[in-house]
Amino acid sequence: MTVVLSIFIMLIILTVLVVVHEWGHYISARIFGVKVNEFSIFMGPKIFSRVGKKTGTVFSIRCLPLGGFCAMEGEETTEDGDSAFCNKPWWQRTIILLSGVFMNIVLAIVIITIVFMIYGYGTREVSRVNEFMPAGLMDINEGDSIIEYNDYSIFNPLDYNLVNYAVNLDDSTMTVKKADGEKEFFKIGRVVNEDEKNSFIVIKKVIDDVEKNVGIYTANWDTDYLEIKIVRDNAESQKYIFAKNADGKYYSSTTSYDSLGNIKTEETMLPYSEKDVKSILSGYSPYKIGFSFSDEKGNLFESLGNAVVYNASLVKSVFNSLKWLVTGRLGMDAMSGPIGLTTVVDDVVSADASIMARVVSLFEMAALISANLAAFNVLPIPGLDGGKLIFIIIELIRRGKKVPPEKEAVVSLIFLALLILFSIFIAGNDIIRIIRS
C-alpha cells in the first residue's frame, strides 16, 4: 500500500514542479507578447482541453502522467508576425527561456524558507566536538566555523556533507575560522586499512606556508570494540576505549599520559554513558572528523536569507556532482531517476516518525528536486533551456544571424532522444539497485 502511495506522491511532486517550470515560460511569453499555442500538463494523447478566450491558448491535460510543456508560436518553426517567439529580440527570448528555471528556484526557496521558519536551519558553526576524534586533536571548539574543506567553500552542513561524501578523504584539508576571527589551516593525512580495521592519521597545521605537526591519531576497531590513541606534538597522549564486555555490558575508559608515558588520569564510564558507547561503536568511521554543526532558528528574513544560500548550495551540488561523475569520483550508483526517488519517498512515507515530520521531509525533497530541475535545465544541452540559450549566443556571435528554428529543432530532437536513452539507463540502474537491496 505504501508503494502505491509513494508513486502517487512522487507523481504529484514531479507534476507540480514541471507545471511551475512551464508556467514561468508561459507568464514571461505573455508579458512579451508571444503567442502560446498550448500549455499542457502531462504528455501523450489529450484527455481534456480548453481554449482561452482572450489568448487562444489551448490548456490541456494529457494521459501520460509525466512532464508537460509550453508550446510557443515560432519556437521550433519560422513564423511571421510579432507574436512569434523566433521574431522577438534576443534578450526577451533569453528571459522567456530562463523563466522556468527562475520559477523552480523561487519555489525551492519558498519551501525551504517555510521549513527553516518551523524547524530552524543548519549553520557552518560548530556546536559539539568529540574529544576522542581528530577534531579534538585539532582543538576545534564550540563556536568555531568550518569555512573550507578540501578546497571547497563551506556555507552550511549541506556543502560539507557533499564534499565529505564525494572527495577523496585519504588526504584532506580544512580551514577553521576560530570564534575570535583567526583562521587556521589544517592538513589531514590518512592511511586506512578497512580489512584489518585500523587507521593512522597525521594532522598538521600550516602557518605562513610552514607545516607544523599537531599530533598523531590511531584507531583500532571492531563491532564491539574501539581503541583510539591520540599523541600530541608535545608527546602527551590520551587513550580511549569503547567496548562491550563478555557479559554484554558497554563500558568506556579514558587514560591520559604525560610526555614520559606515565599515567596522569584514568576514568571509567565517564564522561560516556552506556548509550553513548553504543552510539559511538555503531557510528564510528575513520573518515569522520568528529564535530557537529549548530542549528539556529530565526525570523522570516533570516530564514529567507539562509534558504537562498541553501538553495545556492543545492544548485552548486548538481554541477559538482556532474563534474565528479565525469572525473570518476562518483560512480553511476550516485545517480537516481524518478524510480530511485520514489524509493526514497517510500522510505519517508513508511518511516517511524510523526506525520508532520514526514510531510516536512517530503517538502524538503520537493525543494531538492526543484533546485535540481533548475540546474539541469540550464546545462548547455540542445533540447534543454540551456541548449536553446547556446543558439542565442551563436546568434550574437554571428551579429544577429539566427540559426533557423527548424535546424535548431532537429538538433534538439536528437539530443532529447539521447536524454531519453540516458533516462532509461538511469531507470534500469535504479531497478537493479532496488532488486539488490
Protein backbone atom coordinates (compact mmCIF):
# COMPACT_ATOMS: atom_id res chain seq x y z
CA MET A 1 0.00 0.00 0.00
CA THR A 2 2.81 2.43 0.84
CA VAL A 3 4.39 1.76 -2.58
CA VAL A 4 1.22 2.90 -4.39
CA LEU A 5 1.01 5.95 -2.15
CA SER A 6 4.70 6.73 -2.74
CA ILE A 7 4.28 6.53 -6.52
CA PHE A 8 1.26 8.83 -6.28
CA ILE A 9 3.17 11.35 -4.12
CA MET A 10 6.17 11.25 -6.46
CA LEU A 11 3.92 11.94 -9.46
CA ILE A 12 2.32 14.86 -7.64
CA ILE A 13 5.72 16.34 -6.77
CA LEU A 14 7.03 15.99 -10.33
CA THR A 15 3.80 17.36 -11.79
CA VAL A 16 3.84 20.45 -9.57
CA LEU A 17 7.49 21.14 -10.33
CA VAL A 18 7.04 20.77 -14.09
CA VAL A 19 3.87 22.89 -14.12
CA VAL A 20 5.66 25.62 -12.13
CA HIS A 21 8.58 25.48 -14.58
CA GLU A 22 6.37 25.67 -17.68
CA TRP A 23 4.19 28.34 -16.06
CA GLY A 24 7.30 30.51 -15.79
CA HIS A 25 7.76 30.21 -19.56
CA TYR A 26 4.08 30.95 -20.10
CA ILE A 27 3.96 34.09 -17.96
CA SER A 28 7.09 35.64 -19.48
CA ALA A 29 5.92 34.71 -23.00
CA ARG A 30 2.62 36.51 -22.42
CA ILE A 31 4.43 39.55 -20.95
CA PHE A 32 6.46 39.91 -24.15
CA GLY A 33 3.51 39.23 -26.43
CA VAL A 34 4.48 35.73 -27.59
CA LYS A 35 1.53 33.57 -28.50
CA VAL A 36 1.37 30.29 -26.60
CA ASN A 37 -0.33 27.67 -28.76
CA GLU A 38 -0.72 25.09 -26.00
CA PHE A 39 0.01 24.74 -22.30
CA SER A 40 -0.16 21.08 -21.32
CA ILE A 41 0.06 19.13 -18.10
CA PHE A 42 1.47 15.66 -18.80
CA MET A 43 2.33 14.15 -22.17
CA GLY A 44 0.66 11.87 -24.74
CA PRO A 45 -2.87 11.97 -26.15
CA LYS A 46 -5.23 14.64 -24.80
CA ILE A 47 -7.92 13.71 -22.29
CA PHE A 48 -9.09 17.27 -21.66
CA SER A 49 -8.59 20.64 -23.33
CA ARG A 50 -9.98 24.14 -23.17
CA VAL A 51 -9.22 27.19 -25.30
CA GLY A 52 -8.56 30.51 -23.56
CA LYS A 53 -10.96 33.13 -24.96
CA LYS A 54 -8.54 36.06 -24.71
CA THR A 55 -5.26 34.36 -25.62
CA GLY A 56 -6.35 31.49 -27.86
CA THR A 57 -4.07 29.17 -25.86
CA VAL A 58 -5.15 25.56 -25.61
CA PHE A 59 -4.91 24.43 -21.96
CA SER A 60 -4.83 20.65 -21.88
CA ILE A 61 -4.31 17.61 -19.72
CA ARG A 62 -2.79 14.53 -21.36
CA CYS A 63 -2.86 10.88 -20.37
CA LEU A 64 0.79 10.12 -19.54
CA PRO A 65 1.43 11.46 -16.00
CA LEU A 66 4.93 12.73 -16.68
CA GLY A 67 6.18 16.18 -17.62
CA GLY A 68 4.34 18.88 -19.52
CA PHE A 69 5.11 21.63 -21.98
CA CYS A 70 4.50 25.22 -23.05
CA ALA A 71 4.39 25.32 -26.86
CA MET A 72 5.09 28.83 -28.16
CA GLU A 73 4.47 30.00 -31.70
CA GLY A 74 7.71 30.23 -33.66
CA GLU A 75 9.71 28.24 -31.13
CA GLU A 76 10.52 25.37 -33.49
CA THR A 77 9.42 26.80 -36.85
CA THR A 78 9.93 30.03 -38.74
CA GLU A 79 6.80 32.16 -38.41
CA ASP A 80 5.79 35.63 -39.50
CA GLY A 81 4.36 38.23 -37.14
CA ASP A 82 5.29 39.92 -33.90
CA SER A 83 3.68 37.20 -31.75
CA ALA A 84 6.23 34.53 -32.78
CA PHE A 85 8.99 33.60 -30.35
CA CYS A 86 11.58 33.50 -33.15
CA ASN A 87 10.92 37.16 -34.04
CA LYS A 88 11.44 38.57 -30.54
CA PRO A 89 14.69 40.35 -29.55
CA TRP A 90 17.39 38.07 -28.15
CA TRP A 91 17.10 39.44 -24.62
CA GLN A 92 13.35 38.76 -24.49
CA ARG A 93 13.89 35.18 -25.71
CA THR A 94 16.60 34.76 -23.07
CA ILE A 95 14.27 35.91 -20.30
CA ILE A 96 11.50 33.60 -21.54
CA LEU A 97 13.87 30.63 -21.59
CA LEU A 98 15.24 31.36 -18.10
CA SER A 99 11.83 31.99 -16.54
CA GLY A 100 11.18 28.29 -15.98
CA VAL A 101 14.48 27.90 -14.15
CA PHE A 102 13.73 31.04 -12.14
CA MET A 103 10.34 29.71 -11.06
CA ASN A 104 11.84 26.41 -9.88
CA ILE A 105 14.44 28.29 -7.84
CA VAL A 106 11.76 30.54 -6.33
CA LEU A 107 9.61 27.52 -5.43
CA ALA A 108 12.57 25.79 -3.76
CA ILE A 109 13.41 28.94 -1.78
CA VAL A 110 9.78 29.35 -0.63
CA ILE A 111 9.58 25.73 0.52
CA ILE A 112 12.90 25.81 2.37
CA THR A 113 12.07 29.19 3.97
CA ILE A 114 8.88 27.72 5.44
CA VAL A 115 10.78 24.65 6.70
CA PHE A 116 13.51 26.84 8.21
CA MET A 117 10.95 29.04 9.99
CA ILE A 118 9.36 25.95 11.56
CA TYR A 119 12.42 23.83 12.35
CA GLY A 120 15.39 26.17 12.04
CA TYR A 121 18.45 25.84 9.81
CA GLY A 122 21.95 24.43 10.00
CA THR A 123 24.98 26.71 10.02
CA ARG A 124 28.68 26.14 9.43
CA GLU A 125 29.35 26.90 13.09
CA VAL A 126 30.47 24.02 15.31
CA SER A 127 28.17 23.11 18.18
CA ARG A 128 29.80 19.98 19.61
CA VAL A 129 33.23 18.33 19.39
CA ASN A 130 34.20 14.76 20.20
CA GLU A 131 37.46 14.95 22.12
CA PHE A 132 38.46 11.44 21.03
CA MET A 133 38.17 12.28 17.31
CA PRO A 134 40.55 14.28 15.06
CA ALA A 135 38.57 17.45 15.80
CA GLY A 136 39.72 17.18 19.42
CA LEU A 137 43.32 16.86 18.31
CA MET A 138 42.87 19.92 16.08
CA ASP A 139 41.48 21.86 19.05
CA ILE A 140 38.29 22.75 17.21
CA ASN A 141 35.93 24.29 19.74
CA GLU A 142 32.28 25.16 20.04
CA GLY A 143 31.68 28.45 18.22
CA ASP A 144 34.38 27.87 15.59
CA SER A 145 33.29 27.69 11.95
CA ILE A 146 34.32 25.32 9.14
CA ILE A 147 34.72 27.63 6.15
CA GLU A 148 36.60 25.41 3.69
CA TYR A 149 37.02 21.67 3.24
CA ASN A 150 39.17 20.04 0.56
CA ASP A 151 39.35 23.36 -1.31
CA TYR A 152 35.55 23.73 -1.42
CA SER A 153 33.87 26.65 0.36
CA ILE A 154 31.51 25.63 3.14
CA PHE A 155 28.43 27.73 3.90
CA ASN A 156 26.20 25.12 5.57
CA PRO A 157 26.18 21.41 6.50
CA LEU A 158 24.94 20.50 3.01
CA ASP A 159 28.18 21.78 1.43
CA TYR A 160 30.31 19.89 3.94
CA ASN A 161 28.40 16.60 3.68
CA LEU A 162 28.52 16.59 -0.11
CA VAL A 163 32.28 17.19 -0.22
CA ASN A 164 32.77 14.66 2.58
CA TYR A 165 30.87 12.08 0.51
CA ALA A 166 32.48 12.69 -2.86
CA VAL A 167 36.03 13.93 -2.42
CA ASN A 168 38.98 11.64 -1.65
CA LEU A 169 39.37 11.70 2.13
CA ASP A 170 42.75 9.97 2.49
CA ASP A 171 44.41 13.38 2.26
CA SER A 172 42.17 16.26 3.31
CA THR A 173 42.48 19.94 4.07
CA MET A 174 40.33 22.10 6.30
CA THR A 175 40.17 25.79 7.11
CA VAL A 176 38.70 26.67 10.50
CA LYS A 177 37.63 30.17 11.49
CA LYS A 178 38.03 30.49 15.23
CA ALA A 179 35.46 32.27 17.36
CA ASP A 180 37.84 35.24 17.67
CA GLY A 181 38.07 35.55 13.86
CA GLU A 182 41.51 33.94 13.40
CA LYS A 183 41.80 31.35 10.61
CA GLU A 184 43.65 28.05 10.96
CA PHE A 185 44.56 25.75 8.07
CA PHE A 186 44.98 22.01 8.63
CA LYS A 187 46.25 19.09 6.55
CA ILE A 188 44.90 15.66 7.41
CA GLY A 189 46.76 12.61 6.08
CA ARG A 190 45.11 9.19 6.48
CA VAL A 191 46.15 5.60 5.98
CA VAL A 192 43.12 3.36 6.50
CA ASN A 193 43.10 -0.42 6.37
CA GLU A 194 39.43 -1.42 6.25
CA ASP A 195 40.21 -5.16 6.25
CA GLU A 196 42.33 -5.07 9.39
CA LYS A 197 40.14 -2.30 10.85
CA ASN A 198 42.84 0.16 11.77
CA SER A 199 43.78 3.66 10.75
CA PHE A 200 46.68 6.05 11.14
CA ILE A 201 46.11 9.80 10.83
CA VAL A 202 48.68 12.60 10.89
CA ILE A 203 47.40 16.14 11.41
CA LYS A 204 49.45 19.21 10.56
CA LYS A 205 48.74 22.91 10.94
CA VAL A 206 50.02 25.23 8.21
CA ILE A 207 51.26 28.60 9.47
CA ASP A 208 52.75 31.01 6.91
CA ASP A 209 53.26 28.11 4.47
CA VAL A 210 55.17 26.17 7.13
CA GLU A 211 53.74 22.83 8.26
CA LYS A 212 53.75 22.11 11.97
CA ASN A 213 52.87 18.68 13.38
CA VAL A 214 49.83 18.81 15.63
CA GLY A 215 49.71 15.15 16.50
CA ILE A 216 49.08 11.55 15.50
CA TYR A 217 45.76 9.74 15.75
CA THR A 218 45.48 5.94 15.60
CA ALA A 219 42.41 3.74 15.85
CA ASN A 220 41.66 0.02 16.00
CA TRP A 221 38.06 -1.08 15.87
CA ASP A 222 35.69 -3.99 15.56
CA THR A 223 31.96 -4.49 16.02
CA ASP A 224 32.12 -4.31 19.81
CA TYR A 225 35.49 -2.67 20.38
CA LEU A 226 37.12 0.66 19.58
CA GLU A 227 40.53 1.83 20.82
CA ILE A 228 41.76 5.30 19.96
CA LYS A 229 45.10 6.81 20.85
CA ILE A 230 45.97 10.46 20.38
CA VAL A 231 49.61 11.59 20.67
CA ARG A 232 50.10 15.34 20.64
CA ASP A 233 53.15 17.19 19.41
CA ASN A 234 54.35 17.68 22.99
CA ALA A 235 54.31 13.86 23.43
CA GLU A 236 51.39 13.95 25.88
CA SER A 237 48.73 11.43 24.89
CA GLN A 238 45.28 10.06 25.61
CA LYS A 239 43.85 6.60 25.10
CA TYR A 240 40.12 5.98 24.74
CA ILE A 241 38.43 2.56 24.81
CA PHE A 242 34.77 1.94 23.97
CA ALA A 243 33.68 -1.69 24.18
CA LYS A 244 31.17 -4.35 25.17
CA ASN A 245 32.47 -6.98 27.60
CA ALA A 246 31.70 -10.70 27.78
CA ASP A 247 28.66 -10.02 29.96
CA GLY A 248 27.16 -7.81 27.27
CA LYS A 249 27.69 -4.60 29.21
CA TYR A 250 29.03 -1.49 27.49
CA TYR A 251 31.86 0.45 29.06
CA SER A 252 34.44 3.10 28.25
CA SER A 253 37.74 4.23 29.68
CA THR A 254 39.86 7.32 29.23
CA THR A 255 43.54 7.40 30.18
CA SER A 256 45.87 10.41 29.94
CA TYR A 257 49.66 10.11 29.82
CA ASP A 258 52.40 12.68 30.29
CA SER A 259 55.29 13.13 27.86
CA LEU A 260 57.22 10.31 29.60
CA GLY A 261 54.36 7.82 29.25
CA ASN A 262 53.30 7.97 32.92
CA ILE A 263 49.57 7.85 33.69
CA LYS A 264 48.21 11.24 34.70
CA THR A 265 44.49 10.45 34.99
CA GLU A 266 42.24 7.47 34.39
CA GLU A 267 38.44 7.35 34.16
CA THR A 268 35.99 4.54 33.53
CA MET A 269 32.47 5.08 32.13
CA LEU A 270 32.96 8.82 32.31
CA PRO A 271 32.01 11.03 30.63
CA TYR A 272 30.41 8.43 28.31
CA SER A 273 27.26 6.57 29.29
CA GLU A 274 26.24 3.14 28.04
CA LYS A 275 24.00 4.85 25.48
CA ASP A 276 26.95 6.97 24.30
CA VAL A 277 29.16 3.90 23.91
CA LYS A 278 26.53 2.07 21.84
CA SER A 279 26.19 5.10 19.58
CA ILE A 280 29.97 5.52 19.19
CA LEU A 281 30.53 1.84 18.34
CA SER A 282 27.70 1.75 15.78
CA GLY A 283 28.57 5.07 14.13
CA TYR A 284 32.37 5.11 14.14
CA SER A 285 34.21 5.82 10.90
CA PRO A 286 37.93 6.59 10.46
CA TYR A 287 36.89 9.27 7.95
CA LYS A 288 34.85 11.34 10.39
CA ILE A 289 36.40 14.50 11.80
CA GLY A 290 34.26 14.40 14.91
CA PHE A 291 32.12 17.51 15.25
CA SER A 292 28.52 18.60 14.78
CA PHE A 293 27.17 21.73 13.14
CA SER A 294 24.89 24.03 15.09
CA ASP A 295 21.22 24.71 14.35
CA GLU A 296 19.59 28.10 14.66
CA LYS A 297 16.09 29.46 14.38
CA GLY A 298 15.50 32.95 13.09
CA ASN A 299 12.81 35.31 11.85
CA LEU A 300 11.38 35.44 8.33
CA PHE A 301 14.25 37.45 6.85
CA GLU A 302 16.94 35.31 8.50
CA SER A 303 15.17 32.14 7.35
CA LEU A 304 14.79 33.55 3.84
CA GLY A 305 18.46 34.56 3.66
CA ASN A 306 19.60 31.11 4.76
CA ALA A 307 17.13 29.48 2.35
CA VAL A 308 18.69 31.44 -0.53
CA VAL A 309 22.18 30.28 0.49
CA TYR A 310 20.93 26.71 0.98
CA ASN A 311 19.38 26.63 -2.49
CA ALA A 312 22.56 28.05 -3.99
CA SER A 313 24.30 25.07 -2.39
CA LEU A 314 21.71 22.71 -3.89
CA VAL A 315 22.28 24.09 -7.39
CA LYS A 316 26.05 24.04 -6.86
CA SER A 317 25.82 20.43 -5.75
CA VAL A 318 24.27 19.46 -9.10
CA PHE A 319 27.17 20.91 -11.08
CA ASN A 320 29.75 19.49 -8.67
CA SER A 321 28.11 16.06 -8.86
CA LEU A 322 28.21 16.13 -12.66
CA LYS A 323 31.87 17.11 -12.53
CA TRP A 324 32.62 14.30 -10.09
CA LEU A 325 30.76 11.80 -12.31
CA VAL A 326 32.84 12.82 -15.32
CA THR A 327 36.11 12.67 -13.36
CA GLY A 328 35.21 9.33 -11.78
CA ARG A 329 34.98 10.50 -8.17
CA LEU A 330 31.35 9.36 -8.17
CA GLY A 331 30.01 6.21 -9.78
CA MET A 332 26.70 5.78 -11.60
CA ASP A 333 25.21 4.43 -8.38
CA ALA A 334 25.24 8.01 -7.12
CA MET A 335 22.62 8.96 -9.72
CA SER A 336 18.88 8.41 -9.31
CA GLY A 337 15.90 9.00 -11.57
CA PRO A 338 12.19 9.08 -10.74
CA ILE A 339 12.18 5.37 -9.82
CA GLY A 340 15.07 5.77 -7.38
CA LEU A 341 13.48 8.91 -5.93
CA THR A 342 10.22 7.02 -5.46
CA THR A 343 12.02 4.53 -3.20
CA VAL A 344 13.27 7.49 -1.15
CA VAL A 345 9.68 8.77 -0.93
CA ASP A 346 8.60 5.29 0.19
CA ASP A 347 11.24 5.35 2.94
CA VAL A 348 9.83 8.67 4.14
CA VAL A 349 6.20 7.54 3.93
CA SER A 350 6.89 4.31 5.87
CA ALA A 351 9.27 5.89 8.39
CA ASP A 352 8.58 5.58 12.10
CA ALA A 353 8.03 9.32 12.59
CA SER A 354 5.21 11.77 13.12
CA ILE A 355 3.03 12.78 10.18
CA MET A 356 4.35 16.34 10.42
CA ALA A 357 7.98 15.17 10.25
CA ARG A 358 7.24 13.03 7.20
CA VAL A 359 5.38 15.85 5.45
CA VAL A 360 8.29 18.23 6.09
CA SER A 361 10.74 15.63 4.70
CA LEU A 362 8.64 15.37 1.54
CA PHE A 363 8.61 19.16 1.17
CA GLU A 364 12.41 19.24 1.59
CA MET A 365 12.68 16.55 -1.08
CA ALA A 366 10.44 18.59 -3.40
CA ALA A 367 12.72 21.61 -2.90
CA LEU A 368 15.77 19.46 -3.68
CA ILE A 369 14.22 18.14 -6.90
CA SER A 370 13.06 21.65 -7.88
CA ALA A 371 16.59 23.04 -7.50
CA ASN A 372 17.97 20.03 -9.40
CA LEU A 373 15.46 20.60 -12.19
CA ALA A 374 16.52 24.24 -12.44
CA ALA A 375 20.22 23.39 -12.56
CA PHE A 376 19.73 20.56 -15.05
CA ASN A 377 17.73 22.80 -17.40
CA VAL A 378 20.49 25.40 -17.71
CA LEU A 379 23.02 22.81 -18.89
CA PRO A 380 24.19 23.64 -22.43
CA ILE A 381 22.49 20.61 -23.96
CA PRO A 382 20.24 21.11 -27.01
CA GLY A 383 16.66 20.34 -26.08
CA LEU A 384 17.03 21.93 -22.66
CA ASP A 385 16.65 25.63 -21.90
CA GLY A 386 20.42 25.97 -21.59
CA GLY A 387 20.87 24.43 -25.05
CA LYS A 388 18.47 26.96 -26.54
CA LEU A 389 20.48 29.72 -24.91
CA ILE A 390 23.55 28.41 -26.75
CA PHE A 391 21.79 29.12 -30.05
CA ILE A 392 21.10 32.68 -28.89
CA ILE A 393 24.80 33.10 -28.04
CA ILE A 394 25.69 31.78 -31.51
CA GLU A 395 23.29 34.35 -32.95
CA LEU A 396 25.04 37.16 -31.06
CA ILE A 397 28.47 35.92 -32.19
CA ARG A 398 27.20 35.93 -35.78
CA ARG A 399 25.97 39.51 -35.29
CA GLY A 400 22.28 38.80 -35.41
CA LYS A 401 22.24 35.97 -37.94
CA LYS A 402 19.95 33.37 -36.41
CA VAL A 403 20.11 29.62 -36.64
CA PRO A 404 16.84 28.66 -38.40
CA PRO A 405 14.33 27.31 -35.82
CA GLU A 406 13.80 24.18 -37.94
CA LYS A 407 17.50 23.27 -37.77
CA GLU A 408 17.58 24.07 -34.06
CA ALA A 409 14.56 21.80 -33.56
CA VAL A 410 16.29 18.90 -35.37
CA VAL A 411 19.41 19.21 -33.19
CA SER A 412 17.24 19.48 -30.07
CA LEU A 413 15.25 16.40 -31.10
CA ILE A 414 18.44 14.34 -31.50
CA PHE A 415 19.70 15.33 -28.06
CA LEU A 416 16.28 14.78 -26.50
CA ALA A 417 16.36 11.24 -27.86
CA LEU A 418 19.80 10.77 -26.27
CA LEU A 419 18.46 12.17 -22.98
CA ILE A 420 15.57 9.70 -23.12
CA LEU A 421 18.02 6.83 -23.65
CA PHE A 422 20.09 8.11 -20.75
CA SER A 423 16.93 8.30 -18.60
CA ILE A 424 16.11 4.69 -19.49
CA PHE A 425 19.64 3.70 -18.44
CA ILE A 426 19.23 5.52 -15.12
CA ALA A 427 15.83 3.86 -14.60
CA GLY A 428 17.40 0.46 -15.22
CA ASN A 429 20.18 1.29 -12.77
CA ASP A 430 17.55 2.28 -10.16
CA ILE A 431 15.67 -1.00 -10.68
CA ILE A 432 18.85 -3.09 -10.33
CA ARG A 433 19.73 -1.20 -7.16
CA ILE A 434 16.26 -1.86 -5.72
CA ILE A 435 16.47 -5.59 -6.57
CA ARG A 436 19.89 -5.89 -4.92
CA SER A 437 18.87 -4.05 -1.75
